[in-house]
PDB file of N, CA and C in Angstrom:
ATOM      1  N   MET A   1      -3.113 -11.817  -1.420  1.00  0.00           N
ATOM      2  CA  MET A   1      -3.497 -13.122  -0.512  1.00  0.00           C
ATOM      3  C   MET A   1      -5.024 -12.374  -0.399  1.00  0.00           C
ATOM      4  N   PRO A   2      -6.400 -13.313  -0.582  1.00  0.00           N
ATOM      5  CA  PRO A   2      -7.903 -12.593  -0.362  1.00  0.00           C
ATOM      6  C   PRO A   2      -7.753 -12.440   1.276  1.00  0.00           C
ATOM      7  N   ASP A   3      -8.689 -11.831   1.624  1.00  0.00           N
ATOM      8  CA  ASP A   3      -8.806 -11.480   3.143  1.00  0.00           C
ATOM      9  C   ASP A   3      -9.046 -12.602   3.831  1.00  0.00           C
ATOM     10  N   SER A   4     -10.140 -13.501   3.119  1.00  0.00           N
ATOM     11  CA  SER A   4     -10.376 -14.851   3.764  1.00  0.00           C
ATOM     12  C   SER A   4      -9.274 -15.586   4.008  1.00  0.00           C
ATOM     13  N   HIS A   5      -8.045 -15.577   3.766  1.00  0.00           N
ATOM     14  CA  HIS A   5      -6.963 -16.247   4.064  1.00  0.00           C
ATOM     15  C   HIS A   5      -6.105 -15.652   4.863  1.00  0.00           C
ATOM     16  N   ARG A   6      -6.257 -14.317   5.025  1.00  0.00           N
ATOM     17  CA  ARG A   6      -5.006 -13.590   5.673  1.00  0.00           C
ATOM     18  C   ARG A   6      -5.301 -13.582   7.031  1.00  0.00           C
ATOM     19  N   ASP A   7      -4.384 -13.485   7.881  1.00  0.00           N
ATOM     20  CA  ASP A   7      -4.391 -13.491   9.374  1.00  0.00           C
ATOM     21  C   ASP A   7      -4.854 -11.882   9.386  1.00  0.00           C
ATOM     22  N   PRO A   8      -6.208 -11.947  10.014  1.00  0.00           N
ATOM     23  CA  PRO A   8      -6.821 -10.638  10.232  1.00  0.00           C
ATOM     24  C   PRO A   8      -5.926 -10.124  11.736  1.00  0.00           C
ATOM     25  N   ASN A   9      -4.965 -10.785  12.400  1.00  0.00           N
ATOM     26  CA  ASN A   9      -4.445 -10.040  13.358  1.00  0.00           C
ATOM     27  C   ASN A   9      -2.975  -9.283  13.231  1.00  0.00           C
ATOM     28  N   ARG A  10      -2.814  -9.473  11.654  1.00  0.00           N
ATOM     29  CA  ARG A  10      -1.459  -9.101  10.902  1.00  0.00           C
ATOM     30  C   ARG A  10      -1.701  -7.895  10.228  1.00  0.00           C
ATOM     31  N   GLU A  11      -0.833  -6.984  10.309  1.00  0.00           N
ATOM     32  CA  GLU A  11      -1.269  -5.887   9.661  1.00  0.00           C
ATOM     33  C   GLU A  11      -0.604  -6.265   8.068  1.00  0.00           C
ATOM     34  N   PRO A  12      -1.592  -5.715   7.196  1.00  0.00           N
ATOM     35  CA  PRO A  12      -1.094  -5.975   5.647  1.00  0.00           C
ATOM     36  C   PRO A  12       0.230  -5.290   5.543  1.00  0.00           C
ATOM     37  N   THR A  13       0.771  -5.617   4.571  1.00  0.00           N
ATOM     38  CA  THR A  13       2.373  -5.144   4.016  1.00  0.00           C
ATOM     39  C   THR A  13       2.009  -3.945   3.476  1.00  0.00           C
ATOM     40  N   HIS A  14       2.940  -2.737   3.632  1.00  0.00           N
ATOM     41  CA  HIS A  14       2.925  -1.807   2.963  1.00  0.00           C
ATOM     42  C   HIS A  14       3.329  -1.663   2.014  1.00  0.00           C
ATOM     43  N   PRO A  15       2.854  -1.264   1.027  1.00  0.00           N
ATOM     44  CA  PRO A  15       3.260  -1.344  -0.767  1.00  0.00           C
ATOM     45  C   PRO A  15       4.603  -0.884  -1.203  1.00  0.00           C
ATOM     46  N   GLY A  16       5.429   0.243   0.078  1.00  0.00           N
ATOM     47  CA  GLY A  16       6.490   0.750   0.165  1.00  0.00           C
ATOM     48  C   GLY A  16       7.618  -0.467  -0.007  1.00  0.00           C
ATOM     49  N   ALA A  17       7.055  -1.256   1.025  1.00  0.00           N
ATOM     50  CA  ALA A  17       7.820  -2.529   1.336  1.00  0.00           C
ATOM     51  C   ALA A  17       7.922  -3.887   0.311  1.00  0.00           C
ATOM     52  N   ILE A  18       6.874  -3.848  -0.698  1.00  0.00           N
ATOM     53  CA  ILE A  18       7.043  -4.981  -1.528  1.00  0.00           C
ATOM     54  C   ILE A  18       7.868  -4.118  -2.958  1.00  0.00           C
ATOM     55  N   LEU A  19       7.578  -2.607  -2.810  1.00  0.00           N
ATOM     56  CA  LEU A  19       8.869  -1.960  -3.839  1.00  0.00           C
ATOM     57  C   LEU A  19      10.248  -2.522  -3.441  1.00  0.00           C
ATOM     58  N   ARG A  20      10.144  -2.069  -2.214  1.00  0.00           N
ATOM     59  CA  ARG A  20      12.014  -1.809  -1.403  1.00  0.00           C
ATOM     60  C   ARG A  20      12.351  -3.294  -1.565  1.00  0.00           C
ATOM     61  N   GLU A  21      11.671  -4.423  -1.133  1.00  0.00           N
ATOM     62  CA  GLU A  21      12.017  -5.734  -0.797  1.00  0.00           C
ATOM     63  C   GLU A  21      12.215  -6.840  -2.247  1.00  0.00           C
ATOM     64  N   ASP A  22      11.176  -6.816  -3.180  1.00  0.00           N
ATOM     65  CA  ASP A  22      10.948  -7.470  -4.025  1.00  0.00           C
ATOM     66  C   ASP A  22      10.928  -6.873  -5.391  1.00  0.00           C
ATOM     67  N   VAL A  23      10.269  -5.560  -5.667  1.00  0.00           N
ATOM     68  CA  VAL A  23      10.298  -5.140  -6.947  1.00  0.00           C
ATOM     69  C   VAL A  23      11.305  -4.583  -7.539  1.00  0.00           C
ATOM     70  N   LEU A  24      12.055  -3.427  -6.650  1.00  0.00           N
ATOM     71  CA  LEU A  24      13.071  -2.884  -6.944  1.00  0.00           C
ATOM     72  C   LEU A  24      14.323  -4.041  -6.989  1.00  0.00           C
ATOM     73  N   PRO A  25      14.479  -5.133  -6.488  1.00  0.00           N
ATOM     74  CA  PRO A  25      15.713  -6.075  -6.793  1.00  0.00           C
ATOM     75  C   PRO A  25      15.546  -6.507  -7.687  1.00  0.00           C
ATOM     76  N   ALA A  26      14.494  -7.060  -7.969  1.00  0.00           N
ATOM     77  CA  ALA A  26      14.055  -7.723  -8.962  1.00  0.00           C
ATOM     78  C   ALA A  26      14.096  -7.446 -10.517  1.00  0.00           C
ATOM     79  N   LEU A  27      13.991  -6.018 -10.282  1.00  0.00           N
ATOM     80  CA  LEU A  27      14.127  -5.455 -11.792  1.00  0.00           C
ATOM     81  C   LEU A  27      15.549  -4.522 -11.841  1.00  0.00           C
ATOM     82  N   ASP A  28      16.484  -4.671 -10.657  1.00  0.00           N
ATOM     83  CA  ASP A  28      17.444  -4.309 -10.584  1.00  0.00           C
ATOM     84  C   ASP A  28      17.851  -2.689 -10.802  1.00  0.00           C
ATOM     85  N   LEU A  29      17.042  -2.043  -9.889  1.00  0.00           N
ATOM     86  CA  LEU A  29      16.786  -0.852  -9.937  1.00  0.00           C
ATOM     87  C   LEU A  29      17.128  -0.218  -8.396  1.00  0.00           C
ATOM     88  N   SER A  30      18.198   0.745  -8.586  1.00  0.00           N
ATOM     89  CA  SER A  30      18.538   1.441  -7.476  1.00  0.00           C
ATOM     90  C   SER A  30      17.525   2.460  -7.098  1.00  0.00           C
ATOM     91  N   VAL A  31      17.583   2.947  -5.669  1.00  0.00           N
ATOM     92  CA  VAL A  31      16.599   4.064  -5.567  1.00  0.00           C
ATOM     93  C   VAL A  31      16.374   5.175  -6.536  1.00  0.00           C
ATOM     94  N   THR A  32      17.368   5.575  -6.909  1.00  0.00           N
ATOM     95  CA  THR A  32      17.566   6.928  -7.710  1.00  0.00           C
ATOM     96  C   THR A  32      17.243   6.197  -9.299  1.00  0.00           C
ATOM     97  N   ALA A  33      17.605   5.114  -9.628  1.00  0.00           N
ATOM     98  CA  ALA A  33      17.178   4.813 -11.175  1.00  0.00           C
ATOM     99  C   ALA A  33      15.618   4.825 -11.254  1.00  0.00           C
ATOM    100  N   ALA A  34      14.706   4.063  -9.922  1.00  0.00           N
ATOM    101  CA  ALA A  34      13.559   3.711 -10.006  1.00  0.00           C
ATOM    102  C   ALA A  34      13.089   5.331 -10.074  1.00  0.00           C
ATOM    103  N   ALA A  35      13.551   6.057  -9.401  1.00  0.00           N
ATOM    104  CA  ALA A  35      12.749   7.463  -9.196  1.00  0.00           C
ATOM    105  C   ALA A  35      13.009   8.249 -10.599  1.00  0.00           C
ATOM    106  N   ALA A  36      14.060   7.816 -10.823  1.00  0.00           N
ATOM    107  CA  ALA A  36      14.265   8.816 -12.349  1.00  0.00           C
ATOM    108  C   ALA A  36      13.381   8.316 -13.575  1.00  0.00           C
ATOM    109  N   ALA A  37      12.858   6.645 -13.831  1.00  0.00           N
ATOM    110  CA  ALA A  37      12.271   6.298 -14.258  1.00  0.00           C
ATOM    111  C   ALA A  37      10.655   6.194 -14.188  1.00  0.00           C
ATOM    112  N   LEU A  38      10.365   6.711 -12.444  1.00  0.00           N
ATOM    113  CA  LEU A  38       8.993   7.254 -12.394  1.00  0.00           C
ATOM    114  C   LEU A  38       8.647   8.327 -12.528  1.00  0.00           C
ATOM    115  N   GLY A  39       9.843   9.148 -12.685  1.00  0.00           N
ATOM    116  CA  GLY A  39       9.532  10.626 -12.976  1.00  0.00           C
ATOM    117  C   GLY A  39       9.285  11.182 -11.418  1.00  0.00           C
ATOM    118  N   VAL A  40       9.829  10.942 -10.442  1.00  0.00           N
ATOM    119  CA  VAL A  40       9.620  11.606  -9.371  1.00  0.00           C
ATOM    120  C   VAL A  40      11.199  11.676  -8.638  1.00  0.00           C
ATOM    121  N   SER A  41      10.906  12.534  -7.484  1.00  0.00           N
ATOM    122  CA  SER A  41      12.077  12.878  -6.525  1.00  0.00           C
ATOM    123  C   SER A  41      12.733  11.657  -6.094  1.00  0.00           C
ATOM    124  N   ARG A  42      13.928  11.585  -5.832  1.00  0.00           N
ATOM    125  CA  ARG A  42      14.738  10.401  -5.077  1.00  0.00           C
ATOM    126  C   ARG A  42      13.726  10.445  -3.624  1.00  0.00           C
ATOM    127  N   GLN A  43      13.737  11.646  -3.027  1.00  0.00           N
ATOM    128  CA  GLN A  43      13.187  11.761  -1.797  1.00  0.00           C
ATOM    129  C   GLN A  43      11.698  11.367  -1.723  1.00  0.00           C
ATOM    130  N   ALA A  44      11.095  11.684  -2.841  1.00  0.00           N
ATOM    131  CA  ALA A  44       9.526  10.991  -2.741  1.00  0.00           C
ATOM    132  C   ALA A  44       9.418   9.402  -3.012  1.00  0.00           C
ATOM    133  N   LEU A  45      10.272   9.004  -3.361  1.00  0.00           N
ATOM    134  CA  LEU A  45      10.273   7.502  -3.743  1.00  0.00           C
ATOM    135  C   LEU A  45      10.749   6.866  -2.299  1.00  0.00           C
ATOM    136  N   HIS A  46      12.151   7.532  -1.888  1.00  0.00           N
ATOM    137  CA  HIS A  46      12.555   7.089  -0.818  1.00  0.00           C
ATOM    138  C   HIS A  46      11.460   7.077   0.672  1.00  0.00           C
ATOM    139  N   ARG A  47      10.962   8.358   0.905  1.00  0.00           N
ATOM    140  CA  ARG A  47       9.421   8.070   1.804  1.00  0.00           C
ATOM    141  C   ARG A  47       8.471   6.993   1.605  1.00  0.00           C
ATOM    142  N   LEU A  48       8.256   6.703   0.065  1.00  0.00           N
ATOM    143  CA  LEU A  48       7.599   5.598   0.077  1.00  0.00           C
ATOM    144  C   LEU A  48       7.950   4.457   0.623  1.00  0.00           C
ATOM    145  N   LEU A  49       9.290   4.026   0.061  1.00  0.00           N
ATOM    146  CA  LEU A  49       9.968   2.948   0.523  1.00  0.00           C
ATOM    147  C   LEU A  49      10.182   2.724   1.989  1.00  0.00           C
ATOM    148  N   ALA A  50      10.265   3.802   2.674  1.00  0.00           N
ATOM    149  CA  ALA A  50      10.653   3.911   4.587  1.00  0.00           C
ATOM    150  C   ALA A  50       9.345   3.575   5.056  1.00  0.00           C
ATOM    151  N   GLU A  51       8.159   3.705   4.135  1.00  0.00           N
ATOM    152  CA  GLU A  51       6.928   3.669   4.612  1.00  0.00           C
ATOM    153  C   GLU A  51       6.525   4.555   5.212  1.00  0.00           C
ATOM    154  N   ASP A  52       6.991   5.552   5.056  1.00  0.00           N
ATOM    155  CA  ASP A  52       6.605   7.051   5.903  1.00  0.00           C
ATOM    156  C   ASP A  52       5.299   8.046   5.384  1.00  0.00           C
ATOM    157  N   VAL A  53       5.207   7.464   4.254  1.00  0.00           N
ATOM    158  CA  VAL A  53       3.739   7.808   3.449  1.00  0.00           C
ATOM    159  C   VAL A  53       3.368   7.051   2.868  1.00  0.00           C
ATOM    160  N   ALA A  54       1.817   7.040   2.386  1.00  0.00           N
ATOM    161  CA  ALA A  54       0.943   5.804   1.687  1.00  0.00           C
ATOM    162  C   ALA A  54       0.996   6.387   0.188  1.00  0.00           C
ATOM    163  N   MET A  55       0.825   4.912  -0.177  1.00  0.00           N
ATOM    164  CA  MET A  55       0.887   4.994  -1.971  1.00  0.00           C
ATOM    165  C   MET A  55      -0.458   5.731  -2.495  1.00  0.00           C
ATOM    166  N   THR A  56      -0.086   6.670  -3.275  1.00  0.00           N
ATOM    167  CA  THR A  56      -1.298   7.430  -3.703  1.00  0.00           C
ATOM    168  C   THR A  56      -1.922   7.203  -5.110  1.00  0.00           C
ATOM    169  N   PRO A  57      -2.512   7.452  -5.420  1.00  0.00           N
ATOM    170  CA  PRO A  57      -3.467   7.440  -6.470  1.00  0.00           C
ATOM    171  C   PRO A  57      -2.351   7.419  -7.724  1.00  0.00           C
ATOM    172  N   GLU A  58      -1.986   8.643  -8.048  1.00  0.00           N
ATOM    173  CA  GLU A  58      -0.568   9.029  -8.797  1.00  0.00           C
ATOM    174  C   GLU A  58       0.363   8.576  -8.525  1.00  0.00           C
ATOM    175  N   MET A  59       1.072   7.870  -7.262  1.00  0.00           N
ATOM    176  CA  MET A  59       2.095   7.513  -6.971  1.00  0.00           C
ATOM    177  C   MET A  59       1.853   5.823  -7.839  1.00  0.00           C
ATOM    178  N   ALA A  60       0.351   5.290  -7.574  1.00  0.00           N
ATOM    179  CA  ALA A  60       0.107   3.789  -7.873  1.00  0.00           C
ATOM    180  C   ALA A  60       0.183   3.845  -9.487  1.00  0.00           C
ATOM    181  N   VAL A  61      -0.506   4.705 -10.274  1.00  0.00           N
ATOM    182  CA  VAL A  61      -0.342   4.998 -11.653  1.00  0.00           C
ATOM    183  C   VAL A  61       1.064   4.645 -12.263  1.00  0.00           C
ATOM    184  N   ARG A  62       2.009   5.672 -11.505  1.00  0.00           N
ATOM    185  CA  ARG A  62       3.415   5.444 -12.165  1.00  0.00           C
ATOM    186  C   ARG A  62       4.037   3.934 -11.679  1.00  0.00           C
ATOM    187  N   VAL A  63       3.919   3.783 -10.635  1.00  0.00           N
ATOM    188  CA  VAL A  63       4.348   2.224 -10.108  1.00  0.00           C
ATOM    189  C   VAL A  63       4.054   1.017 -10.927  1.00  0.00           C
ATOM    190  N   GLY A  64       2.136   1.142 -11.238  1.00  0.00           N
ATOM    191  CA  GLY A  64       1.596  -0.007 -11.881  1.00  0.00           C
ATOM    192  C   GLY A  64       2.219  -0.126 -13.465  1.00  0.00           C
ATOM    193  N   LYS A  65       2.585   1.302 -13.942  1.00  0.00           N
ATOM    194  CA  LYS A  65       3.142   1.173 -15.421  1.00  0.00           C
ATOM    195  C   LYS A  65       4.722   0.824 -15.127  1.00  0.00           C
ATOM    196  N   LEU A  66       5.086   1.113 -14.448  1.00  0.00           N
ATOM    197  CA  LEU A  66       7.032   0.607 -14.228  1.00  0.00           C
ATOM    198  C   LEU A  66       7.008  -1.032 -14.503  1.00  0.00           C
ATOM    199  N   CYS A  67       6.034  -1.321 -13.529  1.00  0.00           N
ATOM    200  CA  CYS A  67       6.140  -3.072 -12.961  1.00  0.00           C
ATOM    201  C   CYS A  67       5.038  -3.827 -14.311  1.00  0.00           C
ATOM    202  N   GLY A  68       4.170  -3.033 -14.956  1.00  0.00           N
ATOM    203  CA  GLY A  68       3.468  -3.571 -15.778  1.00  0.00           C
ATOM    204  C   GLY A  68       1.996  -4.046 -15.100  1.00  0.00           C
ATOM    205  N   ASN A  69       1.665  -4.086 -14.080  1.00  0.00           N
ATOM    206  CA  ASN A  69       0.560  -4.761 -13.708  1.00  0.00           C
ATOM    207  C   ASN A  69      -0.572  -3.451 -13.260  1.00  0.00           C
ATOM    208  N   GLY A  70      -0.495  -2.608 -13.780  1.00  0.00           N
ATOM    209  CA  GLY A  70      -1.492  -1.531 -13.561  1.00  0.00           C
ATOM    210  C   GLY A  70      -1.494  -0.960 -12.028  1.00  0.00           C
ATOM    211  N   PRO A  71      -2.069   0.296 -11.716  1.00  0.00           N
ATOM    212  CA  PRO A  71      -2.187   0.753 -10.250  1.00  0.00           C
ATOM    213  C   PRO A  71      -3.118   0.139  -9.542  1.00  0.00           C
ATOM    214  N   ARG A  72      -4.031  -0.777  -9.659  1.00  0.00           N
ATOM    215  CA  ARG A  72      -5.403  -1.148  -8.945  1.00  0.00           C
ATOM    216  C   ARG A  72      -4.459  -2.052  -7.780  1.00  0.00           C
ATOM    217  N   VAL A  73      -3.575  -2.801  -8.136  1.00  0.00           N
ATOM    218  CA  VAL A  73      -2.967  -3.954  -7.439  1.00  0.00           C
ATOM    219  C   VAL A  73      -2.130  -3.077  -5.994  1.00  0.00           C
ATOM    220  N   TRP A  74      -1.909  -1.881  -6.617  1.00  0.00           N
ATOM    221  CA  TRP A  74      -1.038  -1.045  -5.566  1.00  0.00           C
ATOM    222  C   TRP A  74      -1.880  -0.123  -4.565  1.00  0.00           C
ATOM    223  N   LEU A  75      -2.730   0.369  -4.848  1.00  0.00           N
ATOM    224  CA  LEU A  75      -3.769   0.704  -4.476  1.00  0.00           C
ATOM    225  C   LEU A  75      -4.634  -0.271  -3.480  1.00  0.00           C
ATOM    226  N   ALA A  76      -4.944  -1.474  -4.006  1.00  0.00           N
ATOM    227  CA  ALA A  76      -5.509  -2.020  -3.102  1.00  0.00           C
ATOM    228  C   ALA A  76      -4.498  -2.817  -1.917  1.00  0.00           C
ATOM    229  N   MET A  77      -3.166  -2.501  -1.938  1.00  0.00           N
ATOM    230  CA  MET A  77      -2.721  -2.994  -0.679  1.00  0.00           C
ATOM    231  C   MET A  77      -2.584  -1.800   0.144  1.00  0.00           C
ATOM    232  N   GLN A  78      -2.558  -0.764  -0.559  1.00  0.00           N
ATOM    233  CA  GLN A  78      -2.716   0.637   0.718  1.00  0.00           C
ATOM    234  C   GLN A  78      -4.180   0.709   1.395  1.00  0.00           C
ATOM    235  N   GLN A  79      -5.003  -0.023   0.697  1.00  0.00           N
ATOM    236  CA  GLN A  79      -6.220   0.242   1.031  1.00  0.00           C
ATOM    237  C   GLN A  79      -6.767  -0.728   2.152  1.00  0.00           C
ATOM    238  N   ALA A  80      -5.927  -1.844   1.930  1.00  0.00           N
ATOM    239  CA  ALA A  80      -6.354  -2.971   3.041  1.00  0.00           C
ATOM    240  C   ALA A  80      -5.383  -2.452   4.030  1.00  0.00           C
ATOM    241  N   ARG A  81      -4.090  -2.156   3.709  1.00  0.00           N
ATOM    242  CA  ARG A  81      -3.804  -1.451   5.170  1.00  0.00           C
ATOM    243  C   ARG A  81      -4.255  -0.456   5.918  1.00  0.00           C
ATOM    244  N   ASP A  82      -5.089   0.572   5.140  1.00  0.00           N
ATOM    245  CA  ASP A  82      -5.616   1.812   5.700  1.00  0.00           C
ATOM    246  C   ASP A  82      -6.734   1.316   6.514  1.00  0.00           C
ATOM    247  N   LEU A  83      -7.559   0.405   5.914  1.00  0.00           N
ATOM    248  CA  LEU A  83      -8.418  -0.012   6.606  1.00  0.00           C
ATOM    249  C   LEU A  83      -8.314  -0.787   7.848  1.00  0.00           C
ATOM    250  N   TRP A  84      -7.411  -1.806   7.867  1.00  0.00           N
ATOM    251  CA  TRP A  84      -7.069  -2.136   9.224  1.00  0.00           C
ATOM    252  C   TRP A  84      -6.442  -1.675  10.089  1.00  0.00           C
ATOM    253  N   GLN A  85      -5.556   0.019   9.798  1.00  0.00           N
ATOM    254  CA  GLN A  85      -5.503   0.545  10.921  1.00  0.00           C
ATOM    255  C   GLN A  85      -6.466   1.187  11.546  1.00  0.00           C
ATOM    256  N   ALA A  86      -7.229   1.603  10.566  1.00  0.00           N
ATOM    257  CA  ALA A  86      -8.526   2.394  10.996  1.00  0.00           C
ATOM    258  C   ALA A  86      -9.511   1.466  11.804  1.00  0.00           C
ATOM    259  N   GLU A  87      -9.622   0.361  11.571  1.00  0.00           N
ATOM    260  CA  GLU A  87     -10.483  -0.464  12.291  1.00  0.00           C
ATOM    261  C   GLU A  87     -10.220  -0.600  13.517  1.00  0.00           C
ATOM    262  N   ARG A  88      -8.562  -0.778  13.562  1.00  0.00           N
ATOM    263  CA  ARG A  88      -8.203  -0.981  14.992  1.00  0.00           C
ATOM    264  C   ARG A  88      -7.924   0.251  15.939  1.00  0.00           C
ATOM    265  N   ALA A  89      -7.635   1.605  15.231  1.00  0.00           N
ATOM    266  CA  ALA A  89      -7.844   2.992  15.853  1.00  0.00           C
ATOM    267  C   ALA A  89      -9.123   3.178  16.473  1.00  0.00           C
ATOM    268  N   MET A  90     -10.229   2.949  15.731  1.00  0.00           N
ATOM    269  CA  MET A  90     -11.705   3.194  16.003  1.00  0.00           C
ATOM    270  C   MET A  90     -12.429   2.021  16.631  1.00  0.00           C
ATOM    271  N   ALA A  91     -11.803   0.867  17.067  1.00  0.00           N
ATOM    272  CA  ALA A  91     -12.465  -0.223  17.939  1.00  0.00           C
ATOM    273  C   ALA A  91     -13.663   0.252  19.023  1.00  0.00           C
ATOM    274  N   ASP A  92     -13.120   1.025  19.473  1.00  0.00           N
ATOM    275  CA  ASP A  92     -14.046   1.781  20.886  1.00  0.00           C
ATOM    276  C   ASP A  92     -15.464   2.263  20.240  1.00  0.00           C
ATOM    277  N   ILE A  93     -15.173   3.121  19.265  1.00  0.00           N
ATOM    278  CA  ILE A  93     -16.311   3.699  18.798  1.00  0.00           C
ATOM    279  C   ILE A  93     -17.041   2.633  17.982  1.00  0.00           C
ATOM    280  N   LEU A  94     -16.470   1.851  17.392  1.00  0.00           N
ATOM    281  CA  LEU A  94     -17.084   0.839  16.448  1.00  0.00           C
ATOM    282  C   LEU A  94     -18.202  -0.018  17.369  1.00  0.00           C
ATOM    283  N   ALA A  95     -17.471  -0.342  18.431  1.00  0.00           N
ATOM    284  CA  ALA A  95     -18.142  -0.917  19.477  1.00  0.00           C
ATOM    285  C   ALA A  95     -19.312  -0.495  19.791  1.00  0.00           C
ATOM    286  N   ARG A  96     -19.634   0.862  19.864  1.00  0.00           N
ATOM    287  CA  ARG A  96     -20.871   1.568  20.344  1.00  0.00           C
ATOM    288  C   ARG A  96     -22.080   1.568  18.883  1.00  0.00           C
ATOM    289  N   ILE A  97     -21.488   1.465  17.633  1.00  0.00           N
ATOM    290  CA  ILE A  97     -22.170   1.471  16.746  1.00  0.00           C
ATOM    291  C   ILE A  97     -22.920   0.403  16.448  1.00  0.00           C
ATOM    292  N   PRO A  98     -24.249   0.504  16.484  1.00  0.00           N
ATOM    293  CA  PRO A  98     -25.239  -0.742  16.027  1.00  0.00           C
ATOM    294  C   PRO A  98     -25.152  -1.268  14.784  1.00  0.00           C
ATOM    295  N   THR A  99     -25.238  -2.275  14.281  1.00  0.00           N
ATOM    296  CA  THR A  99     -25.030  -2.865  13.304  1.00  0.00           C
ATOM    297  C   THR A  99     -26.755  -3.157  12.876  1.00  0.00           C
ATOM    298  N   MET A 100     -27.382  -2.263  11.850  1.00  0.00           N
ATOM    299  CA  MET A 100     -29.039  -2.602  11.558  1.00  0.00           C
ATOM    300  C   MET A 100     -29.085  -3.371  10.340  1.00  0.00           C
ATOM    301  N   HIS A 101     -30.099  -4.052  10.609  1.00  0.00           N
ATOM    302  CA  HIS A 101     -31.019  -4.908   9.386  1.00  0.00           C
ATOM    303  C   HIS A 101     -32.028  -4.532   9.192  1.00  0.00           C
ATOM    304  N   ALA A 102     -32.439  -4.629   7.726  1.00  0.00           N
ATOM    305  CA  ALA A 102     -33.505  -4.341   7.225  1.00  0.00           C
ATOM    306  C   ALA A 102     -34.610  -5.372   8.070  1.00  0.00           C
ATOM    307  N   ALA A 103     -35.860  -4.775   7.924  1.00  0.00           N
ATOM    308  CA  ALA A 103     -36.950  -5.578   8.454  1.00  0.00           C
ATOM    309  C   ALA A 103     -37.575  -6.585   7.487  1.00  0.00           C
TER     310      ALA A 103
END
């Protein structure tokens, strides 16, 4: 969903949740089978699916190949989530930084 249509108060979905809830069931893959297909350990994939770690560029390349949609969509999901979290964590700091405009 484009940012202009997304509720700015709702945290973007972790890409691991999309894999866990939508992709793996649609592909009829277990975590073990998906990890083998991706060439990663079951534990590494489990950490992503449990939302304990971020989607890395390397994992995005693997997942994008498996799904046939490329890495950019997976990295965009992670970036949206990371930025959302950073903006909230830094709200007090950002409030003190002026926005400058060219004369």
